[in-house]
C-alpha atoms as a PDB file:
ATOM      1  CA  MET A   1     -31.285  30.194  25.726  1.00  0.00           C
ATOM      2  CA  ASN A   2     -30.570  32.705  23.792  1.00  0.00           C
ATOM      3  CA  GLN A   3     -30.020  32.389  20.225  1.00  0.00           C
ATOM      4  CA  SER A   4     -26.029  32.154  20.438  1.00  0.00           C
ATOM      5  CA  ARG A   5     -25.986  29.165  23.087  1.00  0.00           C
ATOM      6  CA  LEU A   6     -28.065  27.402  20.435  1.00  0.00           C
ATOM      7  CA  THR A   7     -26.414  28.021  17.603  1.00  0.00           C
ATOM      8  CA  THR A   8     -23.004  27.148  19.344  1.00  0.00           C
ATOM      9  CA  THR A   9     -24.599  23.682  20.624  1.00  0.00           C
ATOM     10  CA  ALA A  10     -26.303  23.150  17.023  1.00  0.00           C
ATOM     11  CA  LEU A  11     -23.125  23.773  15.245  1.00  0.00           C
ATOM     12  CA  ALA A  12     -21.369  21.912  18.095  1.00  0.00           C
ATOM     13  CA  ALA A  13     -24.093  18.422  17.756  1.00  0.00           C
ATOM     14  CA  LEU A  14     -23.419  18.966  13.771  1.00  0.00           C
ATOM     15  CA  ARG A  15     -19.709  18.835  13.569  1.00  0.00           C
ATOM     16  CA  ILE A  16     -19.127  16.161  16.151  1.00  0.00           C
ATOM     17  CA  ILE A  17     -21.764  13.905  15.090  1.00  0.00           C
ATOM     18  CA  LEU A  18     -20.653  14.548  11.367  1.00  0.00           C
ATOM     19  CA  GLY A  19     -17.463  14.059  12.107  1.00  0.00           C
ATOM     20  CA  PHE A  20     -17.926  10.842  13.532  1.00  0.00           C
ATOM     21  CA  LEU A  21     -19.753   9.489  10.780  1.00  0.00           C
ATOM     22  CA  PHE A  22     -17.248  10.195   8.841  1.00  0.00           C
ATOM     23  CA  ALA A  23     -14.580   8.656  11.022  1.00  0.00           C
ATOM     24  CA  ALA A  24     -16.771   6.053  11.086  1.00  0.00           C
ATOM     25  CA  HIS A  25     -16.608   5.271   6.911  1.00  0.00           C
ATOM     26  CA  GLY A  26     -13.074   5.812   7.018  1.00  0.00           C
ATOM     27  CA  TRP A  27     -12.275   3.565   9.605  1.00  0.00           C
ATOM     28  CA  GLN A  28     -14.312   1.242   7.508  1.00  0.00           C
ATOM     29  CA  LYS A  29     -12.523   1.697   4.433  1.00  0.00           C
ATOM     30  CA  PHE A  30      -9.273   0.845   6.217  1.00  0.00           C
ATOM     31  CA  ASN A  31     -10.350  -2.028   8.589  1.00  0.00           C
ATOM     32  CA  GLU A  32     -13.084  -4.136   7.356  1.00  0.00           C
ATOM     33  CA  TRP A  33     -12.978  -3.806   3.846  1.00  0.00           C
ATOM     34  CA  THR A  34      -8.870  -2.979   3.332  1.00  0.00           C
ATOM     35  CA  ILE A  35      -7.617  -0.567   1.396  1.00  0.00           C
ATOM     36  CA  ALA A  36      -7.177  -3.429  -1.364  1.00  0.00           C
ATOM     37  CA  GLY A  37     -11.021  -3.814  -1.109  1.00  0.00           C
ATOM     38  CA  THR A  38     -12.027  -0.796  -1.241  1.00  0.00           C
ATOM     39  CA  GLN A  39      -9.669   0.077  -4.444  1.00  0.00           C
ATOM     40  CA  ALA A  40     -11.408  -3.068  -5.847  1.00  0.00           C
ATOM     41  CA  SER A  41     -14.958  -2.026  -4.801  1.00  0.00           C
ATOM     42  CA  PHE A  42     -14.182   1.380  -6.136  1.00  0.00           C
ATOM     43  CA  ALA A  43     -13.371   0.203  -9.656  1.00  0.00           C
ATOM     44  CA  LYS A  44     -16.493  -1.738 -10.331  1.00  0.00           C
ATOM     45  CA  MET A  45     -18.569   1.018  -9.078  1.00  0.00           C
ATOM     46  CA  GLY A  46     -16.732   2.745 -11.971  1.00  0.00           C
ATOM     47  CA  VAL A  47     -14.474   5.340  -9.414  1.00  0.00           C
ATOM     48  CA  PRO A  48     -11.797   7.066 -12.241  1.00  0.00           C
ATOM     49  CA  ALA A  49      -8.079   6.329 -10.528  1.00  0.00           C
ATOM     50  CA  ALA A  50      -9.393   3.959  -7.437  1.00  0.00           C
ATOM     51  CA  GLU A  51      -5.912   2.906  -6.741  1.00  0.00           C
ATOM     52  CA  VAL A  52      -5.459   6.581  -5.733  1.00  0.00           C
ATOM     53  CA  MET A  53      -8.699   7.078  -4.804  1.00  0.00           C
ATOM     54  CA  ALA A  54      -9.378   4.291  -2.416  1.00  0.00           C
ATOM     55  CA  PRO A  55      -6.678   4.984   0.112  1.00  0.00           C
ATOM     56  CA  ALA A  56      -7.115   9.088  -0.272  1.00  0.00           C
ATOM     57  CA  ILE A  57     -10.589   8.934   0.613  1.00  0.00           C
ATOM     58  CA  ALA A  58      -9.787   6.261   3.267  1.00  0.00           C
ATOM     59  CA  VAL A  59      -7.424   9.022   4.505  1.00  0.00           C
ATOM     60  CA  LEU A  60      -9.661  11.825   3.933  1.00  0.00           C
ATOM     61  CA  GLU A  61     -12.563  10.257   5.838  1.00  0.00           C
ATOM     62  CA  LEU A  62     -11.072   9.314   8.837  1.00  0.00           C
ATOM     63  CA  ALA A  63      -8.627  11.862   9.842  1.00  0.00           C
ATOM     64  CA  GLY A  64     -11.145  14.470   8.072  1.00  0.00           C
ATOM     65  CA  GLY A  65     -14.069  13.245  10.469  1.00  0.00           C
ATOM     66  CA  ILE A  66     -11.645  13.418  13.409  1.00  0.00           C
ATOM     67  CA  ALA A  67     -10.754  17.244  12.634  1.00  0.00           C
ATOM     68  CA  LEU A  68     -14.319  17.911  12.870  1.00  0.00           C
ATOM     69  CA  ILE A  69     -15.174  16.087  15.914  1.00  0.00           C
ATOM     70  CA  LEU A  70     -12.462  18.154  16.934  1.00  0.00           C
ATOM     71  CA  GLY A  71     -13.025  21.480  15.458  1.00  0.00           C
ATOM     72  CA  ILE A  72      -9.830  21.951  13.615  1.00  0.00           C
ATOM     73  CA  LEU A  73      -9.279  23.207  10.140  1.00  0.00           C
ATOM     74  CA  THR A  74     -13.260  22.858   9.873  1.00  0.00           C
ATOM     75  CA  ARG A  75     -14.261  25.226   7.011  1.00  0.00           C
ATOM     76  CA  VAL A  76     -11.422  23.236   4.755  1.00  0.00           C
ATOM     77  CA  VAL A  77     -11.939  19.629   6.039  1.00  0.00           C
ATOM     78  CA  ALA A  78     -15.574  20.030   5.603  1.00  0.00           C
ATOM     79  CA  ALA A  79     -14.939  21.579   1.877  1.00  0.00           C
ATOM     80  CA  LEU A  80     -13.646  18.400   1.180  1.00  0.00           C
ATOM     81  CA  LEU A  81     -15.454  16.452   2.496  1.00  0.00           C
ATOM     82  CA  ALA A  82     -18.809  18.093   0.611  1.00  0.00           C
ATOM     83  CA  LEU A  83     -16.699  17.300  -2.645  1.00  0.00           C
ATOM     84  CA  ASP A  84     -15.866  13.722  -1.599  1.00  0.00           C
ATOM     85  CA  MET A  85     -19.902  12.927  -1.388  1.00  0.00           C
ATOM     86  CA  LEU A  86     -20.781  15.252  -4.378  1.00  0.00           C
ATOM     87  CA  GLY A  87     -18.421  13.020  -5.957  1.00  0.00           C
ATOM     88  CA  ALA A  88     -20.232   9.431  -4.225  1.00  0.00           C
ATOM     89  CA  LEU A  89     -23.347  11.232  -5.875  1.00  0.00           C
ATOM     90  CA  PHE A  90     -22.839  11.199  -9.108  1.00  0.00           C
ATOM     91  CA  LEU A  91     -20.348   8.473  -9.785  1.00  0.00           C
ATOM     92  CA  VAL A  92     -21.719   5.639  -7.910  1.00  0.00           C
ATOM     93  CA  HIS A  93     -25.502   6.485  -5.917  1.00  0.00           C
ATOM     94  CA  ALA A  94     -27.223   8.956  -8.463  1.00  0.00           C
ATOM     95  CA  PRO A  95     -28.855   6.207 -10.940  1.00  0.00           C
ATOM     96  CA  ALA A  96     -29.868   4.309  -7.916  1.00  0.00           C
ATOM     97  CA  GLY A  97     -32.515   6.981  -7.644  1.00  0.00           C
ATOM     98  CA  VAL A  98     -33.061   8.387  -4.022  1.00  0.00           C
ATOM     99  CA  PHE A  99     -33.422   5.694  -1.567  1.00  0.00           C
ATOM    100  CA  ALA A 100     -30.288   4.463   0.107  1.00  0.00           C
ATOM    101  CA  ALA A 101     -31.821   0.782   0.963  1.00  0.00           C
ATOM    102  CA  ASN A 102     -31.519   0.337  -3.061  1.00  0.00           C
ATOM    103  CA  GLY A 103     -28.018   2.200  -3.266  1.00  0.00           C
ATOM    104  CA  GLY A 104     -29.681   5.673  -3.988  1.00  0.00           C
ATOM    105  CA  TYR A 105     -28.061   8.837  -2.863  1.00  0.00           C
ATOM    106  CA  GLU A 106     -30.079   9.973   0.333  1.00  0.00           C
ATOM    107  CA  LEU A 107     -26.946   9.393   2.596  1.00  0.00           C
ATOM    108  CA  VAL A 108     -24.232  11.113   0.553  1.00  0.00           C
ATOM    109  CA  LEU A 109     -26.510  13.965  -0.662  1.00  0.00           C
ATOM    110  CA  LEU A 110     -27.440  14.833   3.709  1.00  0.00           C
ATOM    111  CA  LEU A 111     -23.582  14.198   4.396  1.00  0.00           C
ATOM    112  CA  ALA A 112     -22.692  16.265   1.550  1.00  0.00           C
ATOM    113  CA  ALA A 113     -25.467  18.905   2.696  1.00  0.00           C
ATOM    114  CA  ALA A 114     -23.916  19.149   6.596  1.00  0.00           C
ATOM    115  CA  ALA A 115     -20.631  19.558   5.269  1.00  0.00           C
ATOM    116  CA  PHE A 116     -20.960  22.349   3.154  1.00  0.00           C
ATOM    117  CA  ALA A 117     -23.321  23.905   6.111  1.00  0.00           C
ATOM    118  CA  LEU A 118     -20.232  23.282   8.544  1.00  0.00           C
ATOM    119  CA  ALA A 119     -18.003  24.685   5.404  1.00  0.00           C
ATOM    120  CA  LEU A 120     -20.012  27.796   5.452  1.00  0.00           C
ATOM    121  CA  THR A 121     -20.168  28.230   9.115  1.00  0.00           C
ATOM    122  CA  GLY A 122     -17.221  27.296  10.420  1.00  0.00           C
ATOM    123  CA  ALA A 123     -16.866  25.031  13.651  1.00  0.00           C
ATOM    124  CA  GLY A 124     -18.405  27.124  15.827  1.00  0.00           C
ATOM    125  CA  ARG A 125     -17.026  28.374  19.695  1.00  0.00           C
ATOM    126  CA  LEU A 126     -16.498  25.323  20.724  1.00  0.00           C
ATOM    127  CA  SER A 127     -13.734  24.134  19.119  1.00  0.00           C
ATOM    128  CA  LEU A 128     -10.153  24.155  18.343  1.00  0.00           C
ATOM    129  CA  ASP A 129     -10.383  26.708  15.232  1.00  0.00           C
ATOM    130  CA  ARG A 130     -12.082  29.129  17.818  1.00  0.00           C
ATOM    131  CA  ALA A 131      -9.386  28.806  20.362  1.00  0.00           C
ATOM    132  CA  LEU A 132      -6.155  28.433  18.225  1.00  0.00           C
ATOM    133  CA  PHE A 133      -7.984  31.197  15.395  1.00  0.00           C
ATOM    134  CA  GLY A 134     -10.472  33.364  17.052  1.00  0.00           C
ATOM    135  CA  ARG A 135      -8.920  36.234  17.486  1.00  0.00           C
ATOM    136  CA  GLY A 136     -10.061  39.085  14.804  1.00  0.00           C
ATOM    137  CA  ASN A 137      -6.837  40.810  14.184  1.00  0.00           C
ATOM    138  CA  SER A 138      -5.452  37.234  12.775  1.00  0.00           C
ATOM    139  CA  ARG A 139      -5.178  36.204   9.729  1.00  0.00           C
ATOM    140  CA  LEU A 140      -6.001  33.024  10.101  1.00  0.00           C
ATOM    141  CA  ALA A 141      -9.650  33.860  12.218  1.00  0.00           C
ATOM    142  CA  VAL A 142     -11.434  32.764   8.842  1.00  0.00           C
ATOM    143  CA  LEU A 143     -10.769  29.880   9.821  1.00  0.00           C
ATOM    144  CA  ALA A 144     -12.641  30.519  12.741  1.00  0.00           C
END
């Protein structure tokens, strides 16, 4: 395999797995915890404007995760998800230290880094971004 195929495969794997994890967390906020439960949990954790942030984050994670899986608007969605995870890190998880078993930030930091990497690189060749915006003369080529 040449480097281009390896990079294409790596970006697709990263995007699909990261998208699945974010979609699962968004789905959990809607279905397992409910939006009301997520709002209460966010408020208890000290998240500002929890009543607004809980549904916004649930939608971002669910829809954003699906967008990553499909590779559509990847740079924008990934940047928003990276900010989401940095907010979780600083507002909730940092005081608990590194390890997730103790409520720490290891998972949110890893998710933030992966999302940031996709925001920088884009979705790669196997994506809707490439199919829709990949023409070099398009003003939207930056999205691919």
